[in-house]
PDB file of N, CA and C in Angstrom:
ATOM      1  N   MET A   1       0.816  -1.243  -0.177  1.00  0.00           N
ATOM      2  CA  MET A   1       0.371   0.330   0.317  1.00  0.00           C
ATOM      3  C   MET A   1       0.129   1.711  -0.056  1.00  0.00           C
ATOM      4  N   LYS A   2       1.758   1.359   0.502  1.00  0.00           N
ATOM      5  CA  LYS A   2       3.136   2.635   0.656  1.00  0.00           C
ATOM      6  C   LYS A   2       3.665   2.168  -0.477  1.00  0.00           C
ATOM      7  N   SER A   3       4.004   1.364  -1.398  1.00  0.00           N
ATOM      8  CA  SER A   3       4.243   1.793  -2.438  1.00  0.00           C
ATOM      9  C   SER A   3       3.795   2.057  -3.311  1.00  0.00           C
ATOM     10  N   THR A   4       2.312   1.362  -3.309  1.00  0.00           N
ATOM     11  CA  THR A   4       1.356   2.610  -4.202  1.00  0.00           C
ATOM     12  C   THR A   4       1.224   3.972  -4.127  1.00  0.00           C
ATOM     13  N   ILE A   5       1.322   4.258  -3.060  1.00  0.00           N
ATOM     14  CA  ILE A   5       0.916   5.564  -2.616  1.00  0.00           C
ATOM     15  C   ILE A   5       2.098   6.345  -2.573  1.00  0.00           C
ATOM     16  N   LYS A   6       3.543   5.565  -2.860  1.00  0.00           N
ATOM     17  CA  LYS A   6       4.889   6.586  -2.984  1.00  0.00           C
ATOM     18  C   LYS A   6       4.952   6.745  -4.676  1.00  0.00           C
ATOM     19  N   ASN A   7       4.539   5.336  -5.175  1.00  0.00           N
ATOM     20  CA  ASN A   7       4.340   5.785  -6.574  1.00  0.00           C
ATOM     21  C   ASN A   7       3.543   6.934  -7.588  1.00  0.00           C
ATOM     22  N   ALA A   8       2.190   7.150  -6.455  1.00  0.00           N
ATOM     23  CA  ALA A   8       1.221   7.917  -7.367  1.00  0.00           C
ATOM     24  C   ALA A   8       1.968   9.265  -6.642  1.00  0.00           C
ATOM     25  N   LEU A   9       2.337   9.444  -5.872  1.00  0.00           N
ATOM     26  CA  LEU A   9       2.581  10.986  -5.009  1.00  0.00           C
ATOM     27  C   LEU A   9       3.765  11.085  -6.220  1.00  0.00           C
ATOM     28  N   LEU A  10       4.744   9.970  -7.062  1.00  0.00           N
ATOM     29  CA  LEU A  10       5.840  10.556  -7.477  1.00  0.00           C
ATOM     30  C   LEU A  10       5.719  10.649  -8.741  1.00  0.00           C
ATOM     31  N   ALA A  11       4.586  10.010  -9.461  1.00  0.00           N
ATOM     32  CA  ALA A  11       3.554  10.560 -10.666  1.00  0.00           C
ATOM     33  C   ALA A  11       3.487  11.973 -10.796  1.00  0.00           C
ATOM     34  N   PHE A  12       2.486  11.655  -9.973  1.00  0.00           N
ATOM     35  CA  PHE A  12       1.702  13.270  -9.649  1.00  0.00           C
ATOM     36  C   PHE A  12       2.608  14.342  -9.720  1.00  0.00           C
ATOM     37  N   ILE A  13       3.829  14.128  -9.203  1.00  0.00           N
ATOM     38  CA  ILE A  13       5.041  15.318  -8.349  1.00  0.00           C
ATOM     39  C   ILE A  13       5.833  15.792  -9.472  1.00  0.00           C
ATOM     40  N   GLY A  14       6.087  14.197 -10.805  1.00  0.00           N
ATOM     41  CA  GLY A  14       6.144  14.145 -12.017  1.00  0.00           C
ATOM     42  C   GLY A  14       5.233  15.405 -13.111  1.00  0.00           C
ATOM     43  N   SER A  15       4.271  14.459 -12.937  1.00  0.00           N
ATOM     44  CA  SER A  15       3.093  15.863 -14.036  1.00  0.00           C
ATOM     45  C   SER A  15       3.447  17.323 -13.679  1.00  0.00           C
ATOM     46  N   ILE A  16       3.412  17.365 -12.418  1.00  0.00           N
ATOM     47  CA  ILE A  16       3.191  18.794 -12.792  1.00  0.00           C
ATOM     48  C   ILE A  16       4.525  19.519 -12.435  1.00  0.00           C
ATOM     49  N   SER A  17       5.840  19.251 -12.044  1.00  0.00           N
ATOM     50  CA  SER A  17       6.721  19.621 -12.877  1.00  0.00           C
ATOM     51  C   SER A  17       7.943  20.442 -14.189  1.00  0.00           C
ATOM     52  N   THR A  18       6.318  19.694 -14.891  1.00  0.00           N
ATOM     53  CA  THR A  18       6.480  20.286 -16.539  1.00  0.00           C
ATOM     54  C   THR A  18       5.472  21.438 -16.396  1.00  0.00           C
ATOM     55  N   ALA A  19       4.821  21.571 -15.810  1.00  0.00           N
ATOM     56  CA  ALA A  19       3.822  22.879 -16.083  1.00  0.00           C
ATOM     57  C   ALA A  19       5.135  24.041 -15.273  1.00  0.00           C
ATOM     58  N   PHE A  20       5.633  23.632 -14.019  1.00  0.00           N
ATOM     59  CA  PHE A  20       6.359  24.674 -13.827  1.00  0.00           C
ATOM     60  C   PHE A  20       7.605  25.198 -14.793  1.00  0.00           C
ATOM     61  N   ALA A  21       8.373  24.849 -15.708  1.00  0.00           N
ATOM     62  CA  ALA A  21       8.989  25.067 -16.037  1.00  0.00           C
ATOM     63  C   ALA A  21       8.773  25.232 -18.058  1.00  0.00           C
ATOM     64  N   ALA A  22       7.651  25.251 -18.111  1.00  0.00           N
ATOM     65  CA  ALA A  22       7.248  25.944 -19.307  1.00  0.00           C
ATOM     66  C   ALA A  22       6.707  27.604 -18.968  1.00  0.00           C
ATOM     67  N   ASN A  23       7.314  28.412 -19.705  1.00  0.00           N
ATOM     68  CA  ASN A  23       7.324  29.715 -20.001  1.00  0.00           C
ATOM     69  C   ASN A  23       5.971  29.999 -20.597  1.00  0.00           C
ATOM     70  N   GLY A  24       5.608  29.267 -21.115  1.00  0.00           N
ATOM     71  CA  GLY A  24       4.372  30.363 -21.941  1.00  0.00           C
ATOM     72  C   GLY A  24       4.882  30.914 -23.439  1.00  0.00           C
ATOM     73  N   ALA A  25       5.913  30.847 -23.926  1.00  0.00           N
ATOM     74  CA  ALA A  25       6.872  32.180 -24.600  1.00  0.00           C
ATOM     75  C   ALA A  25       6.462  31.221 -26.382  1.00  0.00           C
ATOM     76  N   GLU A  26       5.566  30.809 -26.528  1.00  0.00           N
ATOM     77  CA  GLU A  26       5.073  29.988 -27.535  1.00  0.00           C
ATOM     78  C   GLU A  26       4.242  30.641 -28.182  1.00  0.00           C
ATOM     79  N   LYS A  27       3.413  31.244 -27.849  1.00  0.00           N
ATOM     80  CA  LYS A  27       1.866  32.285 -28.578  1.00  0.00           C
ATOM     81  C   LYS A  27       2.110  33.116 -28.218  1.00  0.00           C
ATOM     82  N   THR A  28       2.523  34.508 -29.220  1.00  0.00           N
ATOM     83  CA  THR A  28       2.432  35.757 -27.863  1.00  0.00           C
ATOM     84  C   THR A  28       1.679  36.407 -28.610  1.00  0.00           C
ATOM     85  N   GLU A  29       0.930  36.292 -30.050  1.00  0.00           N
ATOM     86  CA  GLU A  29      -0.007  36.903 -30.544  1.00  0.00           C
ATOM     87  C   GLU A  29      -1.500  36.707 -30.259  1.00  0.00           C
ATOM     88  N   PRO A  30      -1.828  38.393 -29.673  1.00  0.00           N
ATOM     89  CA  PRO A  30      -3.428  37.919 -29.718  1.00  0.00           C
ATOM     90  C   PRO A  30      -4.127  37.014 -30.742  1.00  0.00           C
ATOM     91  N   SER A  31      -4.884  36.255 -30.000  1.00  0.00           N
ATOM     92  CA  SER A  31      -6.239  35.523 -31.237  1.00  0.00           C
ATOM     93  C   SER A  31      -7.320  36.201 -31.946  1.00  0.00           C
ATOM     94  N   LEU A  32      -7.723  35.709 -32.589  1.00  0.00           N
ATOM     95  CA  LEU A  32      -8.897  36.594 -33.013  1.00  0.00           C
ATOM     96  C   LEU A  32      -9.643  36.546 -32.218  1.00  0.00           C
ATOM     97  N   LEU A  33     -10.067  35.431 -30.940  1.00  0.00           N
ATOM     98  CA  LEU A  33     -11.707  35.613 -29.871  1.00  0.00           C
ATOM     99  C   LEU A  33     -11.629  37.051 -29.336  1.00  0.00           C
ATOM    100  N   LEU A  34     -10.399  37.128 -29.072  1.00  0.00           N
ATOM    101  CA  LEU A  34      -9.637  38.276 -28.396  1.00  0.00           C
ATOM    102  C   LEU A  34     -10.439  40.100 -28.844  1.00  0.00           C
ATOM    103  N   TYR A  35      -9.788  40.055 -30.081  1.00  0.00           N
ATOM    104  CA  TYR A  35      -9.912  40.810 -30.816  1.00  0.00           C
ATOM    105  C   TYR A  35     -11.667  41.030 -31.333  1.00  0.00           C
ATOM    106  N   LEU A  36     -12.570  39.910 -31.433  1.00  0.00           N
ATOM    107  CA  LEU A  36     -13.861  40.097 -31.322  1.00  0.00           C
ATOM    108  C   LEU A  36     -14.330  40.179 -30.010  1.00  0.00           C
ATOM    109  N   PHE A  37     -14.274  39.932 -28.527  1.00  0.00           N
ATOM    110  CA  PHE A  37     -14.549  40.326 -28.423  1.00  0.00           C
ATOM    111  C   PHE A  37     -14.363  41.995 -27.403  1.00  0.00           C
ATOM    112  N   LEU A  38     -13.188  42.042 -27.688  1.00  0.00           N
ATOM    113  CA  LEU A  38     -12.919  43.834 -27.903  1.00  0.00           C
ATOM    114  C   LEU A  38     -13.870  44.669 -28.586  1.00  0.00           C
ATOM    115  N   GLY A  39     -14.073  44.375 -29.443  1.00  0.00           N
ATOM    116  CA  GLY A  39     -15.051  44.627 -30.229  1.00  0.00           C
ATOM    117  C   GLY A  39     -16.362  44.482 -29.824  1.00  0.00           C
ATOM    118  N   PHE A  40     -16.935  43.621 -29.470  1.00  0.00           N
ATOM    119  CA  PHE A  40     -18.519  43.339 -28.688  1.00  0.00           C
ATOM    120  C   PHE A  40     -18.399  44.510 -27.948  1.00  0.00           C
ATOM    121  N   GLY A  41     -17.481  44.660 -26.759  1.00  0.00           N
ATOM    122  CA  GLY A  41     -16.981  45.269 -25.468  1.00  0.00           C
ATOM    123  C   GLY A  41     -17.231  46.965 -26.335  1.00  0.00           C
ATOM    124  N   ALA A  42     -16.474  47.238 -27.371  1.00  0.00           N
ATOM    125  CA  ALA A  42     -17.143  48.629 -27.704  1.00  0.00           C
ATOM    126  C   ALA A  42     -17.833  49.359 -28.717  1.00  0.00           C
ATOM    127  N   LEU A  43     -19.000  47.857 -29.275  1.00  0.00           N
ATOM    128  CA  LEU A  43     -20.083  48.118 -29.817  1.00  0.00           C
ATOM    129  C   LEU A  43     -20.858  47.963 -28.589  1.00  0.00           C
ATOM    130  N   ILE A  44     -21.046  47.777 -27.341  1.00  0.00           N
ATOM    131  CA  ILE A  44     -21.992  47.437 -26.494  1.00  0.00           C
ATOM    132  C   ILE A  44     -21.667  49.779 -25.646  1.00  0.00           C
ATOM    133  N   ILE A  45     -20.421  49.252 -25.290  1.00  0.00           N
ATOM    134  CA  ILE A  45     -20.331  51.110 -25.538  1.00  0.00           C
ATOM    135  C   ILE A  45     -20.681  52.371 -26.307  1.00  0.00           C
ATOM    136  N   VAL A  46     -20.407  52.093 -27.365  1.00  0.00           N
ATOM    137  CA  VAL A  46     -21.433  52.705 -28.882  1.00  0.00           C
ATOM    138  C   VAL A  46     -21.944  53.083 -28.770  1.00  0.00           C
ATOM    139  N   PHE A  47     -22.949  52.013 -28.578  1.00  0.00           N
ATOM    140  CA  PHE A  47     -24.589  52.234 -28.525  1.00  0.00           C
ATOM    141  C   PHE A  47     -25.580  52.025 -27.254  1.00  0.00           C
ATOM    142  N   GLN A  48     -25.483  52.126 -26.081  1.00  0.00           N
ATOM    143  CA  GLN A  48     -25.225  53.152 -24.904  1.00  0.00           C
ATOM    144  C   GLN A  48     -24.693  54.104 -24.815  1.00  0.00           C
ATOM    145  N   ALA A  49     -23.540  55.038 -25.808  1.00  0.00           N
ATOM    146  CA  ALA A  49     -23.365  55.613 -25.822  1.00  0.00           C
ATOM    147  C   ALA A  49     -24.443  57.287 -26.406  1.00  0.00           C
ATOM    148  N   VAL A  50     -24.769  56.522 -27.344  1.00  0.00           N
ATOM    149  CA  VAL A  50     -25.545  57.636 -28.626  1.00  0.00           C
ATOM    150  C   VAL A  50     -26.702  57.742 -28.532  1.00  0.00           C
ATOM    151  N   PRO A  51     -27.660  57.243 -27.401  1.00  0.00           N
ATOM    152  CA  PRO A  51     -29.246  57.595 -26.539  1.00  0.00           C
ATOM    153  C   PRO A  51     -28.695  58.083 -25.962  1.00  0.00           C
ATOM    154  N   GLY A  52     -27.179  57.873 -25.044  1.00  0.00           N
ATOM    155  CA  GLY A  52     -27.743  59.046 -23.829  1.00  0.00           C
ATOM    156  C   GLY A  52     -27.300  60.742 -24.421  1.00  0.00           C
ATOM    157  N   ILE A  53     -25.973  60.374 -25.186  1.00  0.00           N
ATOM    158  CA  ILE A  53     -25.329  61.607 -26.126  1.00  0.00           C
ATOM    159  C   ILE A  53     -26.688  62.655 -26.107  1.00  0.00           C
ATOM    160  N   MET A  54     -27.942  61.714 -27.228  1.00  0.00           N
ATOM    161  CA  MET A  54     -29.269  62.222 -27.893  1.00  0.00           C
ATOM    162  C   MET A  54     -30.256  62.721 -26.137  1.00  0.00           C
ATOM    163  N   LEU A  55     -30.115  61.869 -25.374  1.00  0.00           N
ATOM    164  CA  LEU A  55     -31.478  62.391 -23.853  1.00  0.00           C
ATOM    165  C   LEU A  55     -30.114  63.800 -23.588  1.00  0.00           C
ATOM    166  N   PHE A  56     -28.873  63.736 -23.209  1.00  0.00           N
ATOM    167  CA  PHE A  56     -28.756  65.050 -22.851  1.00  0.00           C
ATOM    168  C   PHE A  56     -28.362  66.202 -23.949  1.00  0.00           C
ATOM    169  N   PHE A  57     -28.397  65.969 -24.995  1.00  0.00           N
ATOM    170  CA  PHE A  57     -29.157  67.180 -25.947  1.00  0.00           C
ATOM    171  C   PHE A  57     -30.395  68.012 -25.756  1.00  0.00           C
ATOM    172  N   SER A  58     -31.160  66.801 -25.472  1.00  0.00           N
ATOM    173  CA  SER A  58     -32.966  67.024 -25.660  1.00  0.00           C
ATOM    174  C   SER A  58     -32.781  67.658 -24.187  1.00  0.00           C
ATOM    175  N   MET A  59     -32.256  67.098 -22.946  1.00  0.00           N
ATOM    176  CA  MET A  59     -32.077  67.849 -22.280  1.00  0.00           C
ATOM    177  C   MET A  59     -31.697  69.362 -21.765  1.00  0.00           C
ATOM    178  N   LEU A  60     -30.917  69.121 -22.698  1.00  0.00           N
ATOM    179  CA  LEU A  60     -29.709  70.437 -23.024  1.00  0.00           C
ATOM    180  C   LEU A  60     -31.254  71.825 -23.746  1.00  0.00           C
ATOM    181  N   LYS A  61     -31.782  71.704 -24.279  1.00  0.00           N
ATOM    182  CA  LYS A  61     -32.763  72.293 -25.857  1.00  0.00           C
ATOM    183  C   LYS A  61     -33.888  72.562 -24.332  1.00  0.00           C
ATOM    184  N   GLY A  62     -34.303  71.085 -23.694  1.00  0.00           N
ATOM    185  CA  GLY A  62     -35.946  72.108 -22.934  1.00  0.00           C
ATOM    186  C   GLY A  62     -35.386  73.042 -21.871  1.00  0.00           C
ATOM    187  N   ILE A  63     -34.588  72.805 -20.990  1.00  0.00           N
ATOM    188  CA  ILE A  63     -33.764  74.045 -20.061  1.00  0.00           C
ATOM    189  C   ILE A  63     -33.707  75.255 -21.150  1.00  0.00           C
ATOM    190  N   PHE A  64     -32.793  75.590 -22.782  1.00  0.00           N
ATOM    191  CA  PHE A  64     -32.160  76.722 -23.167  1.00  0.00           C
ATOM    192  C   PHE A  64     -33.926  77.126 -23.678  1.00  0.00           C
ATOM    193  N   VAL A  65     -34.091  76.726 -24.480  1.00  0.00           N
ATOM    194  CA  VAL A  65     -35.157  76.694 -25.674  1.00  0.00           C
ATOM    195  C   VAL A  65     -36.666  76.662 -24.854  1.00  0.00           C
ATOM    196  N   ALA A  66     -36.877  78.082 -24.603  1.00  0.00           N
ATOM    197  CA  ALA A  66     -38.684  78.233 -24.438  1.00  0.00           C
ATOM    198  C   ALA A  66     -39.627  77.793 -25.443  1.00  0.00           C
ATOM    199  N   PRO A  67     -41.084  77.200 -24.776  1.00  0.00           N
ATOM    200  CA  PRO A  67     -41.387  76.149 -25.452  1.00  0.00           C
ATOM    201  C   PRO A  67     -42.655  77.274 -26.202  1.00  0.00           C
ATOM    202  N   LYS A  68     -43.049  76.922 -27.372  1.00  0.00           N
ATOM    203  CA  LYS A  68     -43.573  77.638 -28.213  1.00  0.00           C
ATOM    204  C   LYS A  68     -45.500  78.741 -27.629  1.00  0.00           C
ATOM    205  N   GLU A  69     -45.649  76.999 -26.768  1.00  0.00           N
ATOM    206  CA  GLU A  69     -47.235  77.809 -25.372  1.00  0.00           C
ATOM    207  C   GLU A  69     -46.655  79.210 -24.806  1.00  0.00           C
ATOM    208  N   ARG A  70     -45.398  78.603 -23.724  1.00  0.00           N
ATOM    209  CA  ARG A  70     -45.075  79.597 -23.395  1.00  0.00           C
ATOM    210  C   ARG A  70     -44.721  81.099 -24.475  1.00  0.00           C
ATOM    211  N   VAL A  71     -44.109  81.181 -24.878  1.00  0.00           N
ATOM    212  CA  VAL A  71     -43.815  82.752 -25.728  1.00  0.00           C
ATOM    213  C   VAL A  71     -45.130  83.413 -26.329  1.00  0.00           C
ATOM    214  N   LEU A  72     -46.054  82.428 -27.390  1.00  0.00           N
ATOM    215  CA  LEU A  72     -47.436  82.511 -27.317  1.00  0.00           C
ATOM    216  C   LEU A  72     -48.101  83.114 -26.499  1.00  0.00           C
ATOM    217  N   ALA A  73     -48.075  82.599 -25.108  1.00  0.00           N
ATOM    218  CA  ALA A  73     -48.924  82.898 -24.217  1.00  0.00           C
ATOM    219  C   ALA A  73     -48.383  84.435 -23.006  1.00  0.00           C
ATOM    220  N   LYS A  74     -47.113  84.753 -23.583  1.00  0.00           N
ATOM    221  CA  LYS A  74     -46.162  86.097 -23.156  1.00  0.00           C
ATOM    222  C   LYS A  74     -47.020  87.353 -24.058  1.00  0.00           C
ATOM    223  N   LYS A  75     -46.828  86.796 -25.138  1.00  0.00           N
ATOM    224  CA  LYS A  75     -47.146  87.837 -26.313  1.00  0.00           C
ATOM    225  C   LYS A  75     -48.860  88.323 -26.320  1.00  0.00           C
ATOM    226  N   THR A  76     -49.808  87.070 -26.261  1.00  0.00           N
ATOM    227  CA  THR A  76     -51.180  87.942 -25.668  1.00  0.00           C
ATOM    228  C   THR A  76     -51.200  88.571 -24.201  1.00  0.00           C
ATOM    229  N   ASP A  77     -50.443  88.257 -23.656  1.00  0.00           N
ATOM    230  CA  ASP A  77     -50.701  88.481 -21.945  1.00  0.00           C
ATOM    231  C   ASP A  77     -50.045  89.962 -22.289  1.00  0.00           C
ATOM    232  N   LYS A  78     -48.918  90.354 -23.195  1.00  0.00           N
ATOM    233  CA  LYS A  78     -48.683  91.439 -23.145  1.00  0.00           C
ATOM    234  C   LYS A  78     -49.233  92.928 -24.175  1.00  0.00           C
ATOM    235  N   THR A  79     -50.227  92.255 -25.028  1.00  0.00           N
ATOM    236  CA  THR A  79     -51.168  92.630 -25.968  1.00  0.00           C
ATOM    237  C   THR A  79     -52.737  93.367 -25.354  1.00  0.00           C
ATOM    238  N   SER A  80     -52.630  92.582 -24.250  1.00  0.00           N
ATOM    239  CA  SER A  80     -53.794  92.586 -23.173  1.00  0.00           C
ATOM    240  C   SER A  80     -54.059  94.042 -22.432  1.00  0.00           C
TER     241      SER A  80
END
């Protein structure tokens, strides 16, 4: 039983030692999936920013431009 445990332990230690020796320098260029993921994230940001920008300019227009009803009401008040 002890020899089986020793052999299993040695096999386990022997198999993980190659993982420490690998430096990962075989493939240094990014893959297509990385570019697709980054592009998808950029599309999400763009498609969320466009309605936000439109809403912001609509808010500014509502603050700084007087509606026609108010302008007409002020004109009729001045004439009477």
